[in-house]
């Protein structure tokens, strides 16, 4: 008997992205796609699935009406320009010897000294791919250094603008650091197992009490 494919829903505002996703993953998943959540669910249900096991969502998604073809062309041109600038920037970093290999070397030292390792990355330059790789390799979090607004960076010295940006977002950074610390605690790591054991223990007590009550009722009447 053929194993059923895991059902998932993919929501994106681009027809090309929906097609690309479905065509490349359709042999591994049952995929409902659409420009809205309801459309994706309806598409999945046509295939005989009630609910998906996972929703895959486009992060940059228009809050209002879908973009026109002209707007999408403008977006594509801007994205191409951005990627070109990013590649140029990364090549400069590499030429100056600033690569993620240095940060990973520091992380390796932590992993050798502490079990489990307990570290986060704080970065302004990191890309999404680098952040995901860091998380897979054991980082508790990847926190973005606050960036000043472009106008602020032009109006004053860059270091001063970055100081101000960090001050204004220090509460959020502190909260992320505290959350990472919480993840290193025994309680956080064993919380789910603790409650499962506790509920099982209490259920056993309740069942025993009910049994005793039933036995008492039977023997006294």
C-alpha atoms as a PDB file:
ATOM      1  CA  UNK A   1       0.000   0.000   0.000  1.00  0.00           C
ATOM      2  CA  UNK A   2       1.394   3.383  -1.007  1.00  0.00           C
ATOM      3  CA  UNK A   3       2.246   5.627   1.912  1.00  0.00           C
ATOM      4  CA  UNK A   4       0.206   8.838   2.021  1.00  0.00           C
ATOM      5  CA  UNK A   5       2.197  11.967   1.400  1.00  0.00           C
ATOM      6  CA  UNK A   6       2.266  14.566   4.219  1.00  0.00           C
ATOM      7  CA  UNK A   7      -0.278  17.295   3.400  1.00  0.00           C
ATOM      8  CA  UNK A   8       0.955  20.895   3.484  1.00  0.00           C
ATOM      9  CA  UNK A   9      -0.396  24.291   2.448  1.00  0.00           C
ATOM     10  CA  UNK A  10       1.675  26.955   0.706  1.00  0.00           C
ATOM     11  CA  UNK A  11       0.451  30.564   0.569  1.00  0.00           C
ATOM     12  CA  UNK A  12       2.219  33.076  -1.677  1.00  0.00           C
ATOM     13  CA  UNK A  13       1.191  36.127  -3.681  1.00  0.00           C
ATOM     14  CA  UNK A  14       3.131  35.020  -6.774  1.00  0.00           C
ATOM     15  CA  UNK A  15       1.737  32.508  -9.276  1.00  0.00           C
ATOM     16  CA  UNK A  16       5.296  31.662 -10.311  1.00  0.00           C
ATOM     17  CA  UNK A  17       6.312  30.831  -6.742  1.00  0.00           C
ATOM     18  CA  UNK A  18       3.214  28.673  -6.214  1.00  0.00           C
ATOM     19  CA  UNK A  19       3.922  26.742  -9.412  1.00  0.00           C
ATOM     20  CA  UNK A  20       7.632  26.410  -8.629  1.00  0.00           C
ATOM     21  CA  UNK A  21       6.920  25.073  -5.141  1.00  0.00           C
ATOM     22  CA  UNK A  22       4.325  22.559  -6.304  1.00  0.00           C
ATOM     23  CA  UNK A  23       6.294  21.277  -9.285  1.00  0.00           C
ATOM     24  CA  UNK A  24       9.441  20.612  -7.274  1.00  0.00           C
ATOM     25  CA  UNK A  25       7.856  19.096  -4.162  1.00  0.00           C
ATOM     26  CA  UNK A  26       4.717  17.356  -5.430  1.00  0.00           C
ATOM     27  CA  UNK A  27       6.324  13.899  -5.335  1.00  0.00           C
ATOM     28  CA  UNK A  28       7.035  14.265  -1.612  1.00  0.00           C
ATOM     29  CA  UNK A  29       4.000  16.174  -0.325  1.00  0.00           C
ATOM     30  CA  UNK A  30       0.331  16.663  -1.006  1.00  0.00           C
ATOM     31  CA  UNK A  31       0.308  20.412  -1.594  1.00  0.00           C
ATOM     32  CA  UNK A  32      -2.532  22.907  -1.411  1.00  0.00           C
ATOM     33  CA  UNK A  33      -1.572  26.282  -2.827  1.00  0.00           C
ATOM     34  CA  UNK A  34      -3.235  29.661  -3.065  1.00  0.00           C
ATOM     35  CA  UNK A  35      -2.977  33.395  -2.716  1.00  0.00           C
ATOM     36  CA  UNK A  36      -4.975  33.219   0.531  1.00  0.00           C
ATOM     37  CA  UNK A  37      -5.161  30.767   3.394  1.00  0.00           C
ATOM     38  CA  UNK A  38      -8.686  29.714   2.432  1.00  0.00           C
ATOM     39  CA  UNK A  39      -7.684  29.128  -1.199  1.00  0.00           C
ATOM     40  CA  UNK A  40      -4.770  26.917  -0.168  1.00  0.00           C
ATOM     41  CA  UNK A  41      -6.977  24.932   2.224  1.00  0.00           C
ATOM     42  CA  UNK A  42      -9.654  24.507  -0.453  1.00  0.00           C
ATOM     43  CA  UNK A  43      -7.038  23.258  -2.911  1.00  0.00           C
ATOM     44  CA  UNK A  44      -5.770  20.728  -0.386  1.00  0.00           C
ATOM     45  CA  UNK A  45      -9.274  19.498   0.424  1.00  0.00           C
ATOM     46  CA  UNK A  46      -9.934  18.867  -3.270  1.00  0.00           C
ATOM     47  CA  UNK A  47      -7.145  16.317  -3.001  1.00  0.00           C
ATOM     48  CA  UNK A  48      -8.907  14.499  -0.147  1.00  0.00           C
ATOM     49  CA  UNK A  49      -7.123  15.981   2.868  1.00  0.00           C
ATOM     50  CA  UNK A  50      -9.013  17.696   5.679  1.00  0.00           C
ATOM     51  CA  UNK A  51      -6.163  19.642   7.279  1.00  0.00           C
ATOM     52  CA  UNK A  52      -2.477  20.217   6.513  1.00  0.00           C
ATOM     53  CA  UNK A  53       0.298  19.047   8.799  1.00  0.00           C
ATOM     54  CA  UNK A  54       2.190  22.256   8.045  1.00  0.00           C
ATOM     55  CA  UNK A  55       1.573  25.730   6.653  1.00  0.00           C
ATOM     56  CA  UNK A  56       4.328  27.272   4.523  1.00  0.00           C
ATOM     57  CA  UNK A  57       3.910  31.049   4.346  1.00  0.00           C
ATOM     58  CA  UNK A  58       5.475  33.756   2.241  1.00  0.00           C
ATOM     59  CA  UNK A  59       7.057  36.220   4.691  1.00  0.00           C
ATOM     60  CA  UNK A  60       6.918  39.330   2.497  1.00  0.00           C
ATOM     61  CA  UNK A  61       3.242  39.309   1.640  1.00  0.00           C
ATOM     62  CA  UNK A  62       1.038  42.246   0.542  1.00  0.00           C
ATOM     63  CA  UNK A  63      -1.373  43.305   3.281  1.00  0.00           C
ATOM     64  CA  UNK A  64      -3.812  44.768   0.758  1.00  0.00           C
ATOM     65  CA  UNK A  65      -4.651  43.802  -2.835  1.00  0.00           C
ATOM     66  CA  UNK A  66      -2.249  41.688  -4.857  1.00  0.00           C
ATOM     67  CA  UNK A  67       0.456  43.571  -6.704  1.00  0.00           C
ATOM     68  CA  UNK A  68      -0.029  44.315 -10.391  1.00  0.00           C
ATOM     69  CA  UNK A  69       2.335  42.926 -13.024  1.00  0.00           C
ATOM     70  CA  UNK A  70       3.917  46.366 -13.305  1.00  0.00           C
ATOM     71  CA  UNK A  71       4.527  46.487  -9.571  1.00  0.00           C
ATOM     72  CA  UNK A  72       5.977  42.981  -9.615  1.00  0.00           C
ATOM     73  CA  UNK A  73       8.352  43.987 -12.425  1.00  0.00           C
ATOM     74  CA  UNK A  74       9.458  46.954 -10.336  1.00  0.00           C
ATOM     75  CA  UNK A  75       9.981  44.642  -7.377  1.00  0.00           C
ATOM     76  CA  UNK A  76      12.016  42.194  -9.460  1.00  0.00           C
ATOM     77  CA  UNK A  77      14.274  44.968 -10.732  1.00  0.00           C
ATOM     78  CA  UNK A  78      14.830  46.278  -7.205  1.00  0.00           C
ATOM     79  CA  UNK A  79      15.531  42.753  -5.931  1.00  0.00           C
ATOM     80  CA  UNK A  80      18.112  42.179  -8.668  1.00  0.00           C
ATOM     81  CA  UNK A  81      19.795  45.465  -7.786  1.00  0.00           C
ATOM     82  CA  UNK A  82      19.782  44.539  -4.093  1.00  0.00           C
ATOM     83  CA  UNK A  83      21.296  41.111  -4.728  1.00  0.00           C
ATOM     84  CA  UNK A  84      24.031  42.619  -6.873  1.00  0.00           C
ATOM     85  CA  UNK A  85      24.906  45.093  -4.128  1.00  0.00           C
ATOM     86  CA  UNK A  86      24.821  42.303  -1.545  1.00  0.00           C
ATOM     87  CA  UNK A  87      27.238  40.170  -3.576  1.00  0.00           C
ATOM     88  CA  UNK A  88      29.595  43.133  -3.887  1.00  0.00           C
ATOM     89  CA  UNK A  89      29.410  43.738  -0.141  1.00  0.00           C
ATOM     90  CA  UNK A  90      30.063  40.074   0.666  1.00  0.00           C
ATOM     91  CA  UNK A  91      33.073  40.042  -1.653  1.00  0.00           C
ATOM     92  CA  UNK A  92      34.511  43.031   0.232  1.00  0.00           C
ATOM     93  CA  UNK A  93      33.971  41.210   3.537  1.00  0.00           C
ATOM     94  CA  UNK A  94      35.750  38.156   2.170  1.00  0.00           C
ATOM     95  CA  UNK A  95      38.638  40.267   0.900  1.00  0.00           C
ATOM     96  CA  UNK A  96      39.027  41.777   4.378  1.00  0.00           C
ATOM     97  CA  UNK A  97      38.935  38.339   5.976  1.00  0.00           C
ATOM     98  CA  UNK A  98      35.548  38.909   7.632  1.00  0.00           C
ATOM     99  CA  UNK A  99      33.638  35.688   7.034  1.00  0.00           C
ATOM    100  CA  UNK A 100      31.364  33.485   9.095  1.00  0.00           C
ATOM    101  CA  UNK A 101      34.277  31.056   9.502  1.00  0.00           C
ATOM    102  CA  UNK A 102      35.661  33.286  12.259  1.00  0.00           C
ATOM    103  CA  UNK A 103      32.396  33.294  14.192  1.00  0.00           C
ATOM    104  CA  UNK A 104      32.039  29.554  13.719  1.00  0.00           C
ATOM    105  CA  UNK A 105      35.559  29.060  15.083  1.00  0.00           C
ATOM    106  CA  UNK A 106      34.474  30.867  18.240  1.00  0.00           C
ATOM    107  CA  UNK A 107      31.357  28.686  18.383  1.00  0.00           C
ATOM    108  CA  UNK A 108      33.538  25.572  18.023  1.00  0.00           C
ATOM    109  CA  UNK A 109      35.480  26.640  21.122  1.00  0.00           C
ATOM    110  CA  UNK A 110      32.206  26.965  23.049  1.00  0.00           C
ATOM    111  CA  UNK A 111      31.015  23.563  21.823  1.00  0.00           C
ATOM    112  CA  UNK A 112      34.265  21.957  23.029  1.00  0.00           C
ATOM    113  CA  UNK A 113      34.088  23.540  26.482  1.00  0.00           C
ATOM    114  CA  UNK A 114      30.372  23.442  27.273  1.00  0.00           C
ATOM    115  CA  UNK A 115      27.857  20.618  26.952  1.00  0.00           C
ATOM    116  CA  UNK A 116      25.319  21.495  25.815  1.00  0.00           C
ATOM    117  CA  UNK A 117      26.785  24.592  24.124  1.00  0.00           C
ATOM    118  CA  UNK A 118      25.257  27.925  25.115  1.00  0.00           C
ATOM    119  CA  UNK A 119      25.792  30.761  22.698  1.00  0.00           C
ATOM    120  CA  UNK A 120      23.992  33.177  20.415  1.00  0.00           C
ATOM    121  CA  UNK A 121      25.264  35.201  17.481  1.00  0.00           C
ATOM    122  CA  UNK A 122      24.871  38.980  17.448  1.00  0.00           C
ATOM    123  CA  UNK A 123      25.339  40.277  13.917  1.00  0.00           C
ATOM    124  CA  UNK A 124      24.562  43.144  11.581  1.00  0.00           C
ATOM    125  CA  UNK A 125      25.898  41.575   8.402  1.00  0.00           C
ATOM    126  CA  UNK A 126      24.542  38.024   8.591  1.00  0.00           C
ATOM    127  CA  UNK A 127      22.251  36.758   5.846  1.00  0.00           C
ATOM    128  CA  UNK A 128      19.219  34.532   6.262  1.00  0.00           C
ATOM    129  CA  UNK A 129      21.164  31.503   5.015  1.00  0.00           C
ATOM    130  CA  UNK A 130      23.985  32.136   7.481  1.00  0.00           C
ATOM    131  CA  UNK A 131      21.538  32.575  10.337  1.00  0.00           C
ATOM    132  CA  UNK A 132      19.761  29.316   9.568  1.00  0.00           C
ATOM    133  CA  UNK A 133      23.076  27.477   9.314  1.00  0.00           C
ATOM    134  CA  UNK A 134      24.124  28.879  12.706  1.00  0.00           C
ATOM    135  CA  UNK A 135      20.880  27.661  14.292  1.00  0.00           C
ATOM    136  CA  UNK A 136      21.297  24.192  12.801  1.00  0.00           C
ATOM    137  CA  UNK A 137      24.825  24.019  14.197  1.00  0.00           C
ATOM    138  CA  UNK A 138      23.715  24.759  17.749  1.00  0.00           C
ATOM    139  CA  UNK A 139      23.280  28.505  18.256  1.00  0.00           C
ATOM    140  CA  UNK A 140      20.410  29.275  20.621  1.00  0.00           C
ATOM    141  CA  UNK A 141      19.492  32.345  18.593  1.00  0.00           C
ATOM    142  CA  UNK A 142      20.785  34.758  15.976  1.00  0.00           C
ATOM    143  CA  UNK A 143      20.101  38.323  17.057  1.00  0.00           C
ATOM    144  CA  UNK A 144      20.336  41.246  14.673  1.00  0.00           C
ATOM    145  CA  UNK A 145      22.327  44.253  15.779  1.00  0.00           C
ATOM    146  CA  UNK A 146      20.116  47.344  15.575  1.00  0.00           C
ATOM    147  CA  UNK A 147      20.587  49.379  12.408  1.00  0.00           C
ATOM    148  CA  UNK A 148      19.987  53.136  12.314  1.00  0.00           C
ATOM    149  CA  UNK A 149      17.531  54.506   9.802  1.00  0.00           C
ATOM    150  CA  UNK A 150      19.191  55.540   6.549  1.00  0.00           C
ATOM    151  CA  UNK A 151      18.332  59.197   7.197  1.00  0.00           C
ATOM    152  CA  UNK A 152      19.915  59.046  10.659  1.00  0.00           C
ATOM    153  CA  UNK A 153      23.070  57.452   9.274  1.00  0.00           C
ATOM    154  CA  UNK A 154      23.385  60.317   6.766  1.00  0.00           C
ATOM    155  CA  UNK A 155      22.693  63.069   9.297  1.00  0.00           C
ATOM    156  CA  UNK A 156      25.358  62.036  11.825  1.00  0.00           C
ATOM    157  CA  UNK A 157      28.451  59.896  12.137  1.00  0.00           C
ATOM    158  CA  UNK A 158      27.718  56.205  11.534  1.00  0.00           C
ATOM    159  CA  UNK A 159      29.060  55.107  14.934  1.00  0.00           C
ATOM    160  CA  UNK A 160      26.881  57.693  16.679  1.00  0.00           C
ATOM    161  CA  UNK A 161      23.808  56.591  14.722  1.00  0.00           C
ATOM    162  CA  UNK A 162      24.500  52.944  15.577  1.00  0.00           C
ATOM    163  CA  UNK A 163      24.930  53.842  19.263  1.00  0.00           C
ATOM    164  CA  UNK A 164      21.546  55.538  19.237  1.00  0.00           C
ATOM    165  CA  UNK A 165      19.881  52.625  17.438  1.00  0.00           C
ATOM    166  CA  UNK A 166      21.267  50.167  19.984  1.00  0.00           C
ATOM    167  CA  UNK A 167      20.064  52.320  22.897  1.00  0.00           C
ATOM    168  CA  UNK A 168      16.562  52.537  21.460  1.00  0.00           C
ATOM    169  CA  UNK A 169      16.319  48.763  20.960  1.00  0.00           C
ATOM    170  CA  UNK A 170      18.228  47.601  24.027  1.00  0.00           C
ATOM    171  CA  UNK A 171      15.061  46.366  25.778  1.00  0.00           C
ATOM    172  CA  UNK A 172      14.215  44.074  22.851  1.00  0.00           C
ATOM    173  CA  UNK A 173      17.768  42.734  22.695  1.00  0.00           C
ATOM    174  CA  UNK A 174      17.789  42.120  26.448  1.00  0.00           C
ATOM    175  CA  UNK A 175      14.523  40.155  26.115  1.00  0.00           C
ATOM    176  CA  UNK A 176      16.027  37.976  23.374  1.00  0.00           C
ATOM    177  CA  UNK A 177      19.142  37.335  25.452  1.00  0.00           C
ATOM    178  CA  UNK A 178      17.058  36.384  28.490  1.00  0.00           C
ATOM    179  CA  UNK A 179      14.999  34.027  26.340  1.00  0.00           C
ATOM    180  CA  UNK A 180      18.208  32.387  25.103  1.00  0.00           C
ATOM    181  CA  UNK A 181      19.411  31.998  28.695  1.00  0.00           C
ATOM    182  CA  UNK A 182      16.077  30.423  29.597  1.00  0.00           C
ATOM    183  CA  UNK A 183      16.618  27.843  26.863  1.00  0.00           C
ATOM    184  CA  UNK A 184      19.784  26.648  28.614  1.00  0.00           C
ATOM    185  CA  UNK A 185      18.014  25.850  31.874  1.00  0.00           C
ATOM    186  CA  UNK A 186      17.124  22.339  32.950  1.00  0.00           C
ATOM    187  CA  UNK A 187      13.510  23.403  33.435  1.00  0.00           C
ATOM    188  CA  UNK A 188      13.070  24.628  29.857  1.00  0.00           C
ATOM    189  CA  UNK A 189      14.684  21.561  28.317  1.00  0.00           C
ATOM    190  CA  UNK A 190      12.696  19.118  30.443  1.00  0.00           C
ATOM    191  CA  UNK A 191       9.463  21.098  30.775  1.00  0.00           C
ATOM    192  CA  UNK A 192       7.420  18.993  28.360  1.00  0.00           C
ATOM    193  CA  UNK A 193       8.651  15.700  29.787  1.00  0.00           C
ATOM    194  CA  UNK A 194       8.024  16.960  33.325  1.00  0.00           C
ATOM    195  CA  UNK A 195       4.418  17.856  32.650  1.00  0.00           C
ATOM    196  CA  UNK A 196       3.774  14.601  30.805  1.00  0.00           C
ATOM    197  CA  UNK A 197       5.122  12.636  33.769  1.00  0.00           C
ATOM    198  CA  UNK A 198       3.202  14.799  36.242  1.00  0.00           C
ATOM    199  CA  UNK A 199      -0.078  14.415  34.368  1.00  0.00           C
ATOM    200  CA  UNK A 200       0.488  10.676  34.109  1.00  0.00           C
ATOM    201  CA  UNK A 201       1.236  10.461  37.834  1.00  0.00           C
ATOM    202  CA  UNK A 202      -1.838  12.506  38.799  1.00  0.00           C
ATOM    203  CA  UNK A 203      -4.021  10.499  36.412  1.00  0.00           C
ATOM    204  CA  UNK A 204      -2.851   7.333  38.136  1.00  0.00           C
ATOM    205  CA  UNK A 205      -3.741   8.759  41.542  1.00  0.00           C
ATOM    206  CA  UNK A 206      -7.186   9.862  40.333  1.00  0.00           C
ATOM    207  CA  UNK A 207      -7.851   6.455  38.763  1.00  0.00           C
ATOM    208  CA  UNK A 208      -6.813   4.717  41.974  1.00  0.00           C
ATOM    209  CA  UNK A 209      -9.046   6.960  44.084  1.00  0.00           C
ATOM    210  CA  UNK A 210     -11.994   6.342  41.780  1.00  0.00           C
ATOM    211  CA  UNK A 211     -11.358   2.607  41.969  1.00  0.00           C
ATOM    212  CA  UNK A 212     -11.301   2.748  45.764  1.00  0.00           C
ATOM    213  CA  UNK A 213     -14.522   4.762  45.820  1.00  0.00           C
ATOM    214  CA  UNK A 214     -16.192   2.271  43.495  1.00  0.00           C
ATOM    215  CA  UNK A 215     -15.020  -0.629  45.660  1.00  0.00           C
ATOM    216  CA  UNK A 216     -16.341   1.126  48.797  1.00  0.00           C
ATOM    217  CA  UNK A 217     -19.733   1.738  47.203  1.00  0.00           C
ATOM    218  CA  UNK A 218     -20.026  -1.872  46.063  1.00  0.00           C
ATOM    219  CA  UNK A 219     -19.068  -3.339  49.449  1.00  0.00           C
ATOM    220  CA  UNK A 220     -21.276  -1.081  51.527  1.00  0.00           C
ATOM    221  CA  UNK A 221     -24.489  -1.382  49.567  1.00  0.00           C
END
